[in-house]
């Protein structure tokens, strides 16, 4: 069972999700507050970041779409490659 809420840290709202008594904070909210959306999109373009997300999703997300991710990974490293948090 999961429960979503928000933390307020130095007047900045940070998402918090509790799943099975484990708390997860939203790193995207934290990074946006510091460096804006540009930093997040730049970080997501990094091949190492994508590999980490692939491993994490494979372990913790039973609905992870490996086929769609393979398409995204094949584009990484190309200068024109961009991806959003939602993608």
PDB file of N, CA and C in Angstrom:
ATOM      1  N   UNK A   1       0.844  -1.172   0.000  1.00  0.00           N
ATOM      2  CA  UNK A   1       0.000   0.000   0.000  1.00  0.00           C
ATOM      3  C   UNK A   1       0.893   1.241   0.000  1.00  0.00           C
ATOM      4  N   UNK A   2       0.545   2.239  -0.786  1.00  0.00           N
ATOM      5  CA  UNK A   2       1.365   3.445  -0.841  1.00  0.00           C
ATOM      6  C   UNK A   2       0.564   4.674  -0.424  1.00  0.00           C
ATOM      7  N   UNK A   3       1.294   5.646   0.076  1.00  0.00           N
ATOM      8  CA  UNK A   3       0.688   6.899   0.518  1.00  0.00           C
ATOM      9  C   UNK A   3       1.603   8.025   0.062  1.00  0.00           C
ATOM     10  N   UNK A   4       1.053   9.025  -0.624  1.00  0.00           N
ATOM     11  CA  UNK A   4       1.834  10.162  -1.095  1.00  0.00           C
ATOM     12  C   UNK A   4       1.574  11.379  -0.236  1.00  0.00           C
ATOM     13  N   UNK A   5       2.616  12.150  -0.036  1.00  0.00           N
ATOM     14  CA  UNK A   5       2.500  13.392   0.712  1.00  0.00           C
ATOM     15  C   UNK A   5       3.610  14.325   0.242  1.00  0.00           C
ATOM     16  N   UNK A   6       3.697  15.480   0.820  1.00  0.00           N
ATOM     17  CA  UNK A   6       4.747  16.447   0.473  1.00  0.00           C
ATOM     18  C   UNK A   6       5.487  16.855   1.742  1.00  0.00           C
ATOM     19  N   UNK A   7       6.777  17.008   1.617  1.00  0.00           N
ATOM     20  CA  UNK A   7       7.601  17.595   2.675  1.00  0.00           C
ATOM     21  C   UNK A   7       7.879  19.026   2.267  1.00  0.00           C
ATOM     22  N   UNK A   8       8.053  19.897   3.211  1.00  0.00           N
ATOM     23  CA  UNK A   8       8.472  21.257   2.908  1.00  0.00           C
ATOM     24  C   UNK A   8       9.838  21.452   3.545  1.00  0.00           C
ATOM     25  N   UNK A   9      10.839  21.674   2.689  1.00  0.00           N
ATOM     26  CA  UNK A   9      12.217  21.851   3.133  1.00  0.00           C
ATOM     27  C   UNK A   9      12.687  23.201   2.618  1.00  0.00           C
ATOM     28  N   UNK A  10      13.005  24.095   3.513  1.00  0.00           N
ATOM     29  CA  UNK A  10      13.431  25.453   3.158  1.00  0.00           C
ATOM     30  C   UNK A  10      12.459  26.077   2.143  1.00  0.00           C
ATOM     31  N   UNK A  11      11.169  25.989   2.445  1.00  0.00           N
ATOM     32  CA  UNK A  11      10.081  26.551   1.636  1.00  0.00           C
ATOM     33  C   UNK A  11       9.939  25.906   0.258  1.00  0.00           C
ATOM     34  N   UNK A  12      10.456  24.684   0.075  1.00  0.00           N
ATOM     35  CA  UNK A  12      10.358  23.967  -1.188  1.00  0.00           C
ATOM     36  C   UNK A  12       9.608  22.662  -0.943  1.00  0.00           C
ATOM     37  N   UNK A  13       8.568  22.418  -1.749  1.00  0.00           N
ATOM     38  CA  UNK A  13       7.810  21.172  -1.610  1.00  0.00           C
ATOM     39  C   UNK A  13       8.551  20.028  -2.288  1.00  0.00           C
ATOM     40  N   UNK A  14       8.744  18.948  -1.545  1.00  0.00           N
ATOM     41  CA  UNK A  14       9.410  17.750  -2.038  1.00  0.00           C
ATOM     42  C   UNK A  14       8.440  16.581  -1.871  1.00  0.00           C
ATOM     43  N   UNK A  15       8.197  15.853  -2.950  1.00  0.00           N
ATOM     44  CA  UNK A  15       7.298  14.705  -2.893  1.00  0.00           C
ATOM     45  C   UNK A  15       7.855  13.597  -2.021  1.00  0.00           C
ATOM     46  N   UNK A  16       6.972  12.927  -1.302  1.00  0.00           N
ATOM     47  CA  UNK A  16       7.327  11.796  -0.445  1.00  0.00           C
ATOM     48  C   UNK A  16       6.275  10.713  -0.654  1.00  0.00           C
ATOM     49  N   UNK A  17       6.735   9.505  -0.920  1.00  0.00           N
ATOM     50  CA  UNK A  17       5.838   8.365  -1.077  1.00  0.00           C
ATOM     51  C   UNK A  17       6.256   7.307  -0.072  1.00  0.00           C
ATOM     52  N   UNK A  18       5.287   6.785   0.656  1.00  0.00           N
ATOM     53  CA  UNK A  18       5.532   5.685   1.588  1.00  0.00           C
ATOM     54  C   UNK A  18       4.920   4.423   0.996  1.00  0.00           C
ATOM     55  N   UNK A  19       5.754   3.399   0.816  1.00  0.00           N
ATOM     56  CA  UNK A  19       5.307   2.119   0.273  1.00  0.00           C
ATOM     57  C   UNK A  19       5.774   1.025   1.223  1.00  0.00           C
ATOM     58  N   UNK A  20       4.807   0.297   1.783  1.00  0.00           N
ATOM     59  CA  UNK A  20       5.142  -0.795   2.706  1.00  0.00           C
ATOM     60  C   UNK A  20       6.114  -0.348   3.802  1.00  0.00           C
ATOM     61  N   UNK A  21       5.816   0.749   4.417  1.00  0.00           N
ATOM     62  CA  UNK A  21       6.616   1.313   5.516  1.00  0.00           C
ATOM     63  C   UNK A  21       8.003   1.798   5.100  1.00  0.00           C
ATOM     64  N   UNK A  22       8.250   1.934   3.801  1.00  0.00           N
ATOM     65  CA  UNK A  22       9.505   2.498   3.291  1.00  0.00           C
ATOM     66  C   UNK A  22       9.198   3.868   2.696  1.00  0.00           C
ATOM     67  N   UNK A  23       9.995   4.882   3.032  1.00  0.00           N
ATOM     68  CA  UNK A  23       9.795   6.233   2.512  1.00  0.00           C
ATOM     69  C   UNK A  23      10.735   6.513   1.346  1.00  0.00           C
ATOM     70  N   UNK A  24      10.190   7.137   0.296  1.00  0.00           N
ATOM     71  CA  UNK A  24      10.970   7.518  -0.883  1.00  0.00           C
ATOM     72  C   UNK A  24      10.727   9.001  -1.152  1.00  0.00           C
ATOM     73  N   UNK A  25      11.807   9.768  -1.298  1.00  0.00           N
ATOM     74  CA  UNK A  25      11.671  11.181  -1.612  1.00  0.00           C
ATOM     75  C   UNK A  25      11.858  11.377  -3.107  1.00  0.00           C
ATOM     76  N   UNK A  26      11.311  12.449  -3.624  1.00  0.00           N
ATOM     77  CA  UNK A  26      11.378  12.738  -5.054  1.00  0.00           C
ATOM     78  C   UNK A  26      12.653  13.519  -5.364  1.00  0.00           C
ATOM     79  N   UNK A  27      13.623  12.831  -5.959  1.00  0.00           N
ATOM     80  CA  UNK A  27      14.877  13.486  -6.311  1.00  0.00           C
ATOM     81  C   UNK A  27      14.659  14.562  -7.364  1.00  0.00           C
ATOM     82  N   UNK A  28      13.703  14.347  -8.248  1.00  0.00           N
ATOM     83  CA  UNK A  28      13.412  15.339  -9.282  1.00  0.00           C
ATOM     84  C   UNK A  28      12.997  16.664  -8.660  1.00  0.00           C
ATOM     85  N   UNK A  29      12.131  16.622  -7.652  1.00  0.00           N
ATOM     86  CA  UNK A  29      11.716  17.854  -6.966  1.00  0.00           C
ATOM     87  C   UNK A  29      12.914  18.552  -6.336  1.00  0.00           C
ATOM     88  N   UNK A  30      13.802  17.778  -5.744  1.00  0.00           N
ATOM     89  CA  UNK A  30      14.978  18.372  -5.088  1.00  0.00           C
ATOM     90  C   UNK A  30      15.900  19.042  -6.107  1.00  0.00           C
ATOM     91  N   UNK A  31      16.159  18.375  -7.218  1.00  0.00           N
ATOM     92  CA  UNK A  31      17.062  18.912  -8.230  1.00  0.00           C
ATOM     93  C   UNK A  31      16.448  20.128  -8.914  1.00  0.00           C
ATOM     94  N   UNK A  32      15.146  20.061  -9.213  1.00  0.00           N
ATOM     95  CA  UNK A  32      14.470  21.206  -9.827  1.00  0.00           C
ATOM     96  C   UNK A  32      14.592  22.443  -8.944  1.00  0.00           C
ATOM     97  N   UNK A  33      14.464  22.250  -7.652  1.00  0.00           N
ATOM     98  CA  UNK A  33      14.528  23.378  -6.725  1.00  0.00           C
ATOM     99  C   UNK A  33      15.908  24.025  -6.750  1.00  0.00           C
ATOM    100  N   UNK A  34      16.926  23.239  -6.963  1.00  0.00           N
ATOM    101  CA  UNK A  34      18.290  23.774  -6.963  1.00  0.00           C
ATOM    102  C   UNK A  34      18.696  24.330  -8.320  1.00  0.00           C
ATOM    103  N   UNK A  35      18.475  23.548  -9.385  1.00  0.00           N
ATOM    104  CA  UNK A  35      19.021  23.900 -10.692  1.00  0.00           C
ATOM    105  C   UNK A  35      17.999  24.047 -11.810  1.00  0.00           C
ATOM    106  N   UNK A  36      16.732  23.891 -11.526  1.00  0.00           N
ATOM    107  CA  UNK A  36      15.710  24.022 -12.551  1.00  0.00           C
ATOM    108  C   UNK A  36      15.577  22.772 -13.406  1.00  0.00           C
ATOM    109  N   UNK A  37      14.686  22.832 -14.374  1.00  0.00           N
ATOM    110  CA  UNK A  37      14.388  21.687 -15.232  1.00  0.00           C
ATOM    111  C   UNK A  37      15.557  21.303 -16.134  1.00  0.00           C
ATOM    112  N   UNK A  38      16.408  22.262 -16.500  1.00  0.00           N
ATOM    113  CA  UNK A  38      17.500  21.960 -17.423  1.00  0.00           C
ATOM    114  C   UNK A  38      18.411  20.879 -16.866  1.00  0.00           C
ATOM    115  N   UNK A  39      18.763  20.970 -15.602  1.00  0.00           N
ATOM    116  CA  UNK A  39      19.664  19.999 -14.999  1.00  0.00           C
ATOM    117  C   UNK A  39      19.064  18.599 -15.042  1.00  0.00           C
ATOM    118  N   UNK A  40      17.783  18.465 -14.764  1.00  0.00           N
ATOM    119  CA  UNK A  40      17.120  17.166 -14.770  1.00  0.00           C
ATOM    120  C   UNK A  40      17.173  16.557 -16.165  1.00  0.00           C
ATOM    121  N   UNK A  41      16.820  17.316 -17.188  1.00  0.00           N
ATOM    122  CA  UNK A  41      16.825  16.771 -18.544  1.00  0.00           C
ATOM    123  C   UNK A  41      18.239  16.425 -18.989  1.00  0.00           C
ATOM    124  N   UNK A  42      19.229  17.212 -18.592  1.00  0.00           N
ATOM    125  CA  UNK A  42      20.621  16.927 -18.935  1.00  0.00           C
ATOM    126  C   UNK A  42      21.087  15.649 -18.237  1.00  0.00           C
ATOM    127  N   UNK A  43      20.731  15.491 -16.979  1.00  0.00           N
ATOM    128  CA  UNK A  43      21.094  14.306 -16.215  1.00  0.00           C
ATOM    129  C   UNK A  43      20.480  13.055 -16.830  1.00  0.00           C
ATOM    130  N   UNK A  44      19.223  13.151 -17.288  1.00  0.00           N
ATOM    131  CA  UNK A  44      18.544  12.003 -17.873  1.00  0.00           C
ATOM    132  C   UNK A  44      19.151  11.572 -19.211  1.00  0.00           C
ATOM    133  N   UNK A  45      19.858  12.459 -19.875  1.00  0.00           N
ATOM    134  CA  UNK A  45      20.491  12.124 -21.152  1.00  0.00           C
ATOM    135  C   UNK A  45      21.741  11.268 -20.959  1.00  0.00           C
ATOM    136  N   UNK A  46      22.291  11.255 -19.762  1.00  0.00           N
ATOM    137  CA  UNK A  46      23.528  10.544 -19.475  1.00  0.00           C
ATOM    138  C   UNK A  46      23.310   9.029 -19.567  1.00  0.00           C
ATOM    139  N   UNK A  47      24.174   8.345 -20.305  1.00  0.00           N
ATOM    140  CA  UNK A  47      24.055   6.900 -20.486  1.00  0.00           C
ATOM    141  C   UNK A  47      24.138   6.179 -19.147  1.00  0.00           C
ATOM    142  N   UNK A  48      25.000   6.629 -18.250  1.00  0.00           N
ATOM    143  CA  UNK A  48      25.130   5.978 -16.945  1.00  0.00           C
ATOM    144  C   UNK A  48      23.842   6.107 -16.126  1.00  0.00           C
ATOM    145  N   UNK A  49      23.192   7.253 -16.221  1.00  0.00           N
ATOM    146  CA  UNK A  49      21.923   7.447 -15.524  1.00  0.00           C
ATOM    147  C   UNK A  49      20.881   6.473 -16.065  1.00  0.00           C
ATOM    148  N   UNK A  50      20.810   6.355 -17.381  1.00  0.00           N
ATOM    149  CA  UNK A  50      19.845   5.438 -17.987  1.00  0.00           C
ATOM    150  C   UNK A  50      20.112   3.991 -17.583  1.00  0.00           C
ATOM    151  N   UNK A  51      21.380   3.604 -17.504  1.00  0.00           N
ATOM    152  CA  UNK A  51      21.709   2.241 -17.076  1.00  0.00           C
ATOM    153  C   UNK A  51      21.280   2.004 -15.629  1.00  0.00           C
ATOM    154  N   UNK A  52      21.491   3.004 -14.782  1.00  0.00           N
ATOM    155  CA  UNK A  52      21.057   2.889 -13.387  1.00  0.00           C
ATOM    156  C   UNK A  52      19.525   2.748 -13.313  1.00  0.00           C
ATOM    157  N   UNK A  53      18.817   3.602 -14.041  1.00  0.00           N
ATOM    158  CA  UNK A  53      17.358   3.537 -14.034  1.00  0.00           C
ATOM    159  C   UNK A  53      16.860   2.189 -14.565  1.00  0.00           C
ATOM    160  N   UNK A  54      17.526   1.663 -15.572  1.00  0.00           N
ATOM    161  CA  UNK A  54      17.171   0.347 -16.117  1.00  0.00           C
ATOM    162  C   UNK A  54      17.317  -0.733 -15.053  1.00  0.00           C
ATOM    163  N   UNK A  55      18.419  -0.724 -14.330  1.00  0.00           N
ATOM    164  CA  UNK A  55      18.643  -1.729 -13.279  1.00  0.00           C
ATOM    165  C   UNK A  55      17.610  -1.581 -12.171  1.00  0.00           C
ATOM    166  N   UNK A  56      17.363  -0.341 -11.733  1.00  0.00           N
ATOM    167  CA  UNK A  56      16.420  -0.106 -10.634  1.00  0.00           C
ATOM    168  C   UNK A  56      15.014  -0.537 -11.030  1.00  0.00           C
ATOM    169  N   UNK A  57      14.576  -0.119 -12.203  1.00  0.00           N
ATOM    170  CA  UNK A  57      13.234  -0.473 -12.664  1.00  0.00           C
ATOM    171  C   UNK A  57      13.100  -1.983 -12.833  1.00  0.00           C
ATOM    172  N   UNK A  58      14.147  -2.635 -13.336  1.00  0.00           N
ATOM    173  CA  UNK A  58      14.109  -4.077 -13.496  1.00  0.00           C
ATOM    174  C   UNK A  58      13.932  -4.813 -12.174  1.00  0.00           C
ATOM    175  N   UNK A  59      14.514  -4.270 -11.113  1.00  0.00           N
ATOM    176  CA  UNK A  59      14.418  -4.916  -9.794  1.00  0.00           C
ATOM    177  C   UNK A  59      13.111  -4.602  -9.074  1.00  0.00           C
ATOM    178  N   UNK A  60      12.607  -3.364  -9.210  1.00  0.00           N
ATOM    179  CA  UNK A  60      11.510  -2.914  -8.364  1.00  0.00           C
ATOM    180  C   UNK A  60      10.190  -2.639  -9.072  1.00  0.00           C
ATOM    181  N   UNK A  61      10.160  -2.674 -10.379  1.00  0.00           N
ATOM    182  CA  UNK A  61       8.937  -2.354 -11.107  1.00  0.00           C
ATOM    183  C   UNK A  61       8.484  -3.572 -11.928  1.00  0.00           C
ATOM    184  N   UNK A  62       7.508  -4.317 -11.422  1.00  0.00           N
ATOM    185  CA  UNK A  62       7.070  -5.510 -12.150  1.00  0.00           C
ATOM    186  C   UNK A  62       6.411  -5.180 -13.495  1.00  0.00           C
ATOM    187  N   UNK A  63       6.000  -3.935 -13.699  1.00  0.00           N
ATOM    188  CA  UNK A  63       5.375  -3.525 -14.963  1.00  0.00           C
ATOM    189  C   UNK A  63       6.354  -2.811 -15.894  1.00  0.00           C
ATOM    190  N   UNK A  64       7.640  -2.907 -15.605  1.00  0.00           N
ATOM    191  CA  UNK A  64       8.653  -2.217 -16.409  1.00  0.00           C
ATOM    192  C   UNK A  64       8.612  -2.709 -17.856  1.00  0.00           C
ATOM    193  N   UNK A  65       8.596  -1.771 -18.792  1.00  0.00           N
ATOM    194  CA  UNK A  65       8.512  -2.079 -20.217  1.00  0.00           C
ATOM    195  C   UNK A  65       9.931  -2.107 -20.799  1.00  0.00           C
ATOM    196  N   UNK A  66      10.551  -3.279 -20.800  1.00  0.00           N
ATOM    197  CA  UNK A  66      11.930  -3.419 -21.287  1.00  0.00           C
ATOM    198  C   UNK A  66      12.059  -3.080 -22.762  1.00  0.00           C
ATOM    199  N   UNK A  67      11.045  -3.416 -23.552  1.00  0.00           N
ATOM    200  CA  UNK A  67      11.083  -3.110 -24.980  1.00  0.00           C
ATOM    201  C   UNK A  67      11.140  -1.620 -25.248  1.00  0.00           C
ATOM    202  N   UNK A  68      10.305  -0.869 -24.563  1.00  0.00           N
ATOM    203  CA  UNK A  68      10.304   0.590 -24.725  1.00  0.00           C
ATOM    204  C   UNK A  68      11.629   1.177 -24.241  1.00  0.00           C
ATOM    205  N   UNK A  69      12.140   0.631 -23.142  1.00  0.00           N
ATOM    206  CA  UNK A  69      13.406   1.134 -22.629  1.00  0.00           C
ATOM    207  C   UNK A  69      14.549   0.864 -23.605  1.00  0.00           C
ATOM    208  N   UNK A  70      14.538  -0.278 -24.287  1.00  0.00           N
ATOM    209  CA  UNK A  70      15.578  -0.597 -25.272  1.00  0.00           C
ATOM    210  C   UNK A  70      15.610   0.464 -26.368  1.00  0.00           C
ATOM    211  N   UNK A  71      14.439   0.950 -26.765  1.00  0.00           N
ATOM    212  CA  UNK A  71      14.355   2.006 -27.771  1.00  0.00           C
ATOM    213  C   UNK A  71      14.979   3.303 -27.251  1.00  0.00           C
ATOM    214  N   UNK A  72      14.676   3.633 -26.003  1.00  0.00           N
ATOM    215  CA  UNK A  72      15.242   4.842 -25.399  1.00  0.00           C
ATOM    216  C   UNK A  72      16.755   4.716 -25.281  1.00  0.00           C
ATOM    217  N   UNK A  73      17.226   3.570 -24.794  1.00  0.00           N
ATOM    218  CA  UNK A  73      18.666   3.372 -24.585  1.00  0.00           C
ATOM    219  C   UNK A  73      19.414   3.447 -25.907  1.00  0.00           C
ATOM    220  N   UNK A  74      18.823   2.951 -26.983  1.00  0.00           N
ATOM    221  CA  UNK A  74      19.512   2.971 -28.279  1.00  0.00           C
ATOM    222  C   UNK A  74      19.746   4.390 -28.785  1.00  0.00           C
ATOM    223  N   UNK A  75      18.943   5.337 -28.323  1.00  0.00           N
ATOM    224  CA  UNK A  75      19.081   6.732 -28.742  1.00  0.00           C
ATOM    225  C   UNK A  75      20.056   7.513 -27.857  1.00  0.00           C
ATOM    226  N   UNK A  76      20.346   7.010 -26.665  1.00  0.00           N
ATOM    227  CA  UNK A  76      21.206   7.742 -25.747  1.00  0.00           C
ATOM    228  C   UNK A  76      22.609   7.873 -26.338  1.00  0.00           C
ATOM    229  N   UNK A  77      23.247   8.964 -26.038  1.00  0.00           N
ATOM    230  CA  UNK A  77      24.574   9.229 -26.566  1.00  0.00           C
ATOM    231  C   UNK A  77      24.553  10.074 -27.826  1.00  0.00           C
ATOM    232  N   UNK A  78      23.408  10.163 -28.479  1.00  0.00           N
ATOM    233  CA  UNK A  78      23.264  11.009 -29.661  1.00  0.00           C
ATOM    234  C   UNK A  78      23.016  12.429 -29.172  1.00  0.00           C
ATOM    235  N   UNK A  79      23.693  13.406 -29.766  1.00  0.00           N
ATOM    236  CA  UNK A  79      23.578  14.792 -29.296  1.00  0.00           C
ATOM    237  C   UNK A  79      22.149  15.311 -29.283  1.00  0.00           C
ATOM    238  N   UNK A  80      21.318  14.859 -30.203  1.00  0.00           N
ATOM    239  CA  UNK A  80      19.942  15.362 -30.270  1.00  0.00           C
ATOM    240  C   UNK A  80      19.006  14.632 -29.306  1.00  0.00           C
ATOM    241  N   UNK A  81      19.491  13.621 -28.605  1.00  0.00           N
ATOM    242  CA  UNK A  81      18.653  12.839 -27.695  1.00  0.00           C
ATOM    243  C   UNK A  81      18.203  13.671 -26.504  1.00  0.00           C
ATOM    244  N   UNK A  82      16.892  13.691 -26.272  1.00  0.00           N
ATOM    245  CA  UNK A  82      16.316  14.353 -25.103  1.00  0.00           C
ATOM    246  C   UNK A  82      15.249  13.445 -24.560  1.00  0.00           C
ATOM    247  N   UNK A  83      15.094  13.472 -23.240  1.00  0.00           N
ATOM    248  CA  UNK A  83      14.059  12.669 -22.593  1.00  0.00           C
ATOM    249  C   UNK A  83      13.530  13.449 -21.404  1.00  0.00           C
ATOM    250  N   UNK A  84      12.257  13.299 -21.138  1.00  0.00           N
ATOM    251  CA  UNK A  84      11.661  14.002 -20.000  1.00  0.00           C
ATOM    252  C   UNK A  84      11.488  13.027 -18.848  1.00  0.00           C
ATOM    253  N   UNK A  85      11.190  13.543 -17.690  1.00  0.00           N
ATOM    254  CA  UNK A  85      10.955  12.723 -16.512  1.00  0.00           C
ATOM    255  C   UNK A  85       9.779  11.785 -16.756  1.00  0.00           C
ATOM    256  N   UNK A  86       8.727  12.269 -17.391  1.00  0.00           N
ATOM    257  CA  UNK A  86       7.536  11.445 -17.653  1.00  0.00           C
ATOM    258  C   UNK A  86       7.838  10.310 -18.611  1.00  0.00           C
ATOM    259  N   UNK A  87       8.719  10.539 -19.587  1.00  0.00           N
ATOM    260  CA  UNK A  87       9.049   9.480 -20.530  1.00  0.00           C
ATOM    261  C   UNK A  87       9.812   8.395 -19.823  1.00  0.00           C
TER     262      UNK A  87
END
